[in-house]
N, C-alpha and C. Protein backbone atom coordinates (compact mmCIF):
# COMPACT_ATOMS: atom_id res chain seq x y z
N UNK A 1 -54.99 -147.01 -36.41
CA UNK A 1 -54.44 -147.30 -37.71
C UNK A 1 -53.17 -146.36 -37.82
N UNK A 2 -52.31 -146.78 -38.58
CA UNK A 2 -51.03 -145.85 -38.91
C UNK A 2 -51.41 -144.73 -39.60
N UNK A 3 -50.49 -143.68 -39.72
CA UNK A 3 -50.74 -142.55 -40.43
C UNK A 3 -51.14 -142.83 -41.82
N UNK A 4 -51.77 -141.83 -42.53
CA UNK A 4 -52.01 -142.11 -43.97
C UNK A 4 -50.77 -142.32 -44.78
N UNK A 5 -50.65 -143.54 -45.21
CA UNK A 5 -49.37 -143.96 -46.00
C UNK A 5 -49.57 -145.35 -46.66
N UNK A 6 -48.54 -145.88 -46.99
CA UNK A 6 -48.83 -147.31 -47.67
C UNK A 6 -49.36 -148.25 -46.58
N UNK A 7 -50.32 -149.10 -47.02
CA UNK A 7 -50.97 -149.89 -46.20
C UNK A 7 -51.46 -151.15 -46.79
N UNK A 8 -51.55 -152.34 -46.07
CA UNK A 8 -51.92 -153.76 -46.71
C UNK A 8 -53.37 -153.69 -46.83
N UNK A 9 -53.89 -154.39 -47.89
CA UNK A 9 -55.33 -154.54 -48.18
C UNK A 9 -56.03 -154.85 -46.95
N UNK A 10 -55.60 -156.01 -46.23
CA UNK A 10 -56.44 -156.48 -45.00
C UNK A 10 -56.64 -155.45 -43.99
N UNK A 11 -55.36 -154.63 -43.84
CA UNK A 11 -55.57 -153.47 -42.86
C UNK A 11 -56.52 -152.38 -43.21
N UNK A 12 -56.66 -152.05 -44.43
CA UNK A 12 -57.69 -151.25 -45.03
C UNK A 12 -59.11 -151.65 -44.75
N UNK A 13 -59.25 -153.10 -45.07
CA UNK A 13 -60.65 -153.59 -44.77
C UNK A 13 -60.89 -153.62 -43.29
N UNK A 14 -59.94 -153.95 -42.56
CA UNK A 14 -60.19 -153.86 -41.16
C UNK A 14 -60.62 -152.50 -40.49
N UNK A 15 -59.93 -151.66 -41.06
CA UNK A 15 -60.11 -150.12 -40.57
C UNK A 15 -61.47 -149.63 -41.08
N UNK A 16 -61.96 -150.06 -42.28
CA UNK A 16 -63.31 -149.75 -42.76
C UNK A 16 -64.19 -150.30 -42.01
N UNK A 17 -64.08 -151.68 -41.68
CA UNK A 17 -65.00 -152.33 -40.76
C UNK A 17 -65.27 -151.62 -39.42
N UNK A 18 -64.17 -151.17 -38.86
CA UNK A 18 -64.14 -150.59 -37.46
C UNK A 18 -64.90 -149.21 -37.65
N UNK A 19 -65.04 -148.76 -38.70
CA UNK A 19 -65.81 -147.33 -38.95
C UNK A 19 -67.20 -147.65 -39.52
N UNK A 20 -67.55 -148.79 -39.42
CA UNK A 20 -69.03 -149.20 -39.62
C UNK A 20 -69.29 -149.80 -41.09
N UNK A 21 -68.26 -149.91 -41.91
CA UNK A 21 -68.54 -150.45 -43.29
C UNK A 21 -68.73 -151.98 -43.25
N UNK A 22 -69.71 -152.58 -44.05
CA UNK A 22 -70.00 -153.91 -44.13
C UNK A 22 -69.19 -154.55 -45.45
N UNK A 23 -68.75 -155.66 -45.44
CA UNK A 23 -68.14 -156.33 -46.73
C UNK A 23 -66.88 -156.93 -46.34
N UNK A 24 -65.97 -157.23 -47.26
CA UNK A 24 -66.26 -156.72 -48.76
C UNK A 24 -67.20 -157.69 -49.46
N UNK A 25 -68.04 -157.23 -50.44
CA UNK A 25 -68.94 -157.90 -51.33
C UNK A 25 -68.29 -157.87 -52.81
N UNK A 26 -68.64 -158.97 -53.43
CA UNK A 26 -68.24 -159.24 -54.81
C UNK A 26 -68.84 -158.16 -55.69
N UNK A 27 -68.05 -157.54 -56.64
CA UNK A 27 -68.46 -156.71 -57.59
C UNK A 27 -68.16 -157.08 -58.98
N UNK A 28 -68.25 -156.35 -59.96
CA UNK A 28 -68.01 -156.79 -61.42
C UNK A 28 -66.31 -156.84 -61.49
N UNK A 29 -65.73 -155.79 -61.28
CA UNK A 29 -64.17 -155.78 -61.37
C UNK A 29 -63.59 -155.70 -60.07
N UNK A 30 -64.21 -155.08 -59.05
CA UNK A 30 -63.43 -154.80 -57.67
C UNK A 30 -64.60 -155.26 -56.57
N UNK A 31 -63.98 -155.65 -55.53
CA UNK A 31 -64.90 -155.88 -54.31
C UNK A 31 -65.26 -154.40 -53.88
N UNK A 32 -66.16 -154.44 -53.03
CA UNK A 32 -66.75 -153.16 -52.49
C UNK A 32 -67.18 -153.33 -50.96
N UNK A 33 -67.39 -152.29 -50.24
CA UNK A 33 -67.84 -152.21 -48.96
C UNK A 33 -68.95 -151.11 -48.97
N UNK A 34 -69.77 -151.30 -47.97
CA UNK A 34 -71.08 -150.39 -47.84
C UNK A 34 -71.20 -150.03 -46.43
N UNK A 35 -71.68 -148.73 -46.31
CA UNK A 35 -72.18 -148.24 -45.05
C UNK A 35 -73.34 -147.30 -45.50
N UNK A 36 -74.42 -147.59 -44.92
CA UNK A 36 -75.79 -146.72 -45.49
C UNK A 36 -75.78 -146.77 -46.96
N UNK A 37 -75.78 -145.59 -47.39
CA UNK A 37 -75.98 -145.27 -48.82
C UNK A 37 -74.48 -145.11 -49.36
N UNK A 38 -73.57 -145.34 -48.76
CA UNK A 38 -72.15 -144.99 -49.20
C UNK A 38 -71.48 -146.41 -49.67
N UNK A 39 -71.02 -146.41 -50.85
CA UNK A 39 -70.35 -147.57 -51.50
C UNK A 39 -68.88 -147.16 -51.80
N UNK A 40 -67.88 -148.06 -51.36
CA UNK A 40 -66.51 -147.73 -51.51
C UNK A 40 -66.04 -148.92 -52.35
N UNK A 41 -65.40 -148.68 -53.38
CA UNK A 41 -64.62 -149.86 -54.17
C UNK A 41 -63.35 -149.95 -53.58
N UNK A 42 -62.95 -151.19 -53.34
CA UNK A 42 -61.61 -151.70 -52.76
C UNK A 42 -60.66 -151.82 -53.95
N UNK A 43 -59.47 -151.31 -53.83
CA UNK A 43 -58.41 -151.73 -54.76
C UNK A 43 -58.00 -153.17 -54.56
N UNK A 44 -57.47 -153.67 -55.72
CA UNK A 44 -57.04 -155.10 -55.71
C UNK A 44 -55.65 -155.09 -56.05
N UNK A 45 -54.75 -154.71 -55.19
CA UNK A 45 -53.19 -154.69 -55.48
C UNK A 45 -52.77 -156.18 -55.67
N UNK A 46 -52.24 -156.80 -56.57
CA UNK A 46 -51.73 -158.08 -56.68
C UNK A 46 -50.36 -158.29 -55.98
N UNK A 47 -49.76 -157.16 -55.89
CA UNK A 47 -48.38 -157.34 -55.06
C UNK A 47 -48.18 -156.05 -54.44
N UNK A 48 -47.68 -156.18 -53.15
CA UNK A 48 -47.37 -154.98 -52.45
C UNK A 48 -48.48 -154.45 -51.66
N UNK A 49 -48.34 -153.24 -51.23
CA UNK A 49 -49.21 -152.44 -50.43
C UNK A 49 -49.90 -151.49 -51.26
N UNK A 50 -51.07 -150.93 -50.66
CA UNK A 50 -51.84 -149.83 -51.33
C UNK A 50 -50.97 -148.50 -50.99
N UNK A 51 -50.84 -147.89 -52.09
CA UNK A 51 -49.95 -146.58 -51.99
C UNK A 51 -50.84 -145.55 -51.38
N UNK A 52 -50.11 -144.58 -50.71
CA UNK A 52 -50.66 -143.51 -49.91
C UNK A 52 -51.67 -142.57 -50.73
N UNK A 53 -51.32 -142.32 -52.07
CA UNK A 53 -52.35 -141.69 -53.00
C UNK A 53 -53.57 -142.40 -53.24
N UNK A 54 -53.60 -143.76 -53.28
CA UNK A 54 -54.74 -144.49 -53.53
C UNK A 54 -55.41 -144.62 -52.15
N UNK A 55 -54.83 -144.78 -51.15
CA UNK A 55 -55.48 -144.82 -49.77
C UNK A 55 -56.30 -143.49 -49.58
N UNK A 56 -55.58 -142.40 -49.95
CA UNK A 56 -56.33 -141.12 -49.71
C UNK A 56 -57.58 -141.07 -50.66
N UNK A 57 -57.55 -141.56 -51.79
CA UNK A 57 -58.65 -141.63 -52.84
C UNK A 57 -59.85 -142.43 -52.14
N UNK A 58 -59.37 -143.56 -51.58
CA UNK A 58 -60.43 -144.61 -50.89
C UNK A 58 -61.06 -143.89 -49.83
N UNK A 59 -60.30 -143.16 -48.97
CA UNK A 59 -60.79 -142.67 -47.68
C UNK A 59 -61.79 -141.41 -48.18
N UNK A 60 -61.36 -140.64 -49.23
CA UNK A 60 -62.30 -139.51 -49.79
C UNK A 60 -63.64 -140.12 -50.19
N UNK A 61 -63.53 -141.12 -51.13
CA UNK A 61 -64.78 -141.79 -51.55
C UNK A 61 -65.65 -142.44 -50.34
N UNK A 62 -64.93 -142.92 -49.26
CA UNK A 62 -65.58 -143.29 -48.05
C UNK A 62 -66.22 -142.27 -47.30
N UNK A 63 -65.73 -140.96 -47.31
CA UNK A 63 -66.23 -139.92 -46.70
C UNK A 63 -65.54 -139.74 -45.20
N UNK A 64 -64.29 -140.45 -45.13
CA UNK A 64 -63.58 -140.52 -43.81
C UNK A 64 -62.40 -139.41 -44.05
N UNK A 65 -62.32 -138.63 -42.85
CA UNK A 65 -61.20 -137.66 -42.77
C UNK A 65 -60.06 -138.36 -42.28
N UNK A 66 -58.94 -137.52 -42.53
CA UNK A 66 -57.73 -138.12 -42.13
C UNK A 66 -57.56 -138.38 -40.58
N UNK A 67 -58.21 -137.34 -39.93
CA UNK A 67 -58.20 -137.52 -38.37
C UNK A 67 -58.98 -138.72 -38.05
N UNK A 68 -60.19 -138.97 -38.46
CA UNK A 68 -60.99 -140.19 -38.29
C UNK A 68 -60.13 -141.47 -38.44
N UNK A 69 -59.49 -141.53 -39.53
CA UNK A 69 -58.62 -142.63 -39.79
C UNK A 69 -57.50 -142.79 -38.89
N UNK A 70 -56.81 -141.89 -38.75
CA UNK A 70 -55.73 -141.96 -37.77
C UNK A 70 -56.10 -142.15 -36.19
N UNK A 71 -57.25 -142.06 -35.93
CA UNK A 71 -57.79 -142.19 -34.58
C UNK A 71 -58.28 -143.64 -34.23
N UNK A 72 -58.39 -144.47 -35.28
CA UNK A 72 -58.82 -145.77 -35.17
C UNK A 72 -57.77 -146.74 -34.71
């Protein structure tokens, strides 16, 4: 994956899958992905890319370190 920065939603999903997450599954307002007991809500940007700040929040919610993300 590229360094922690703006990213396309499909690239985020592919990265999470490579780290063992399943999904995305339909939720009430947002889709989500799951690995064991951990659930991560996926942002749904209608235009453009997911910003650096939002990506960092998603990775924190997923329990993924910056080093893990950059090594995939």
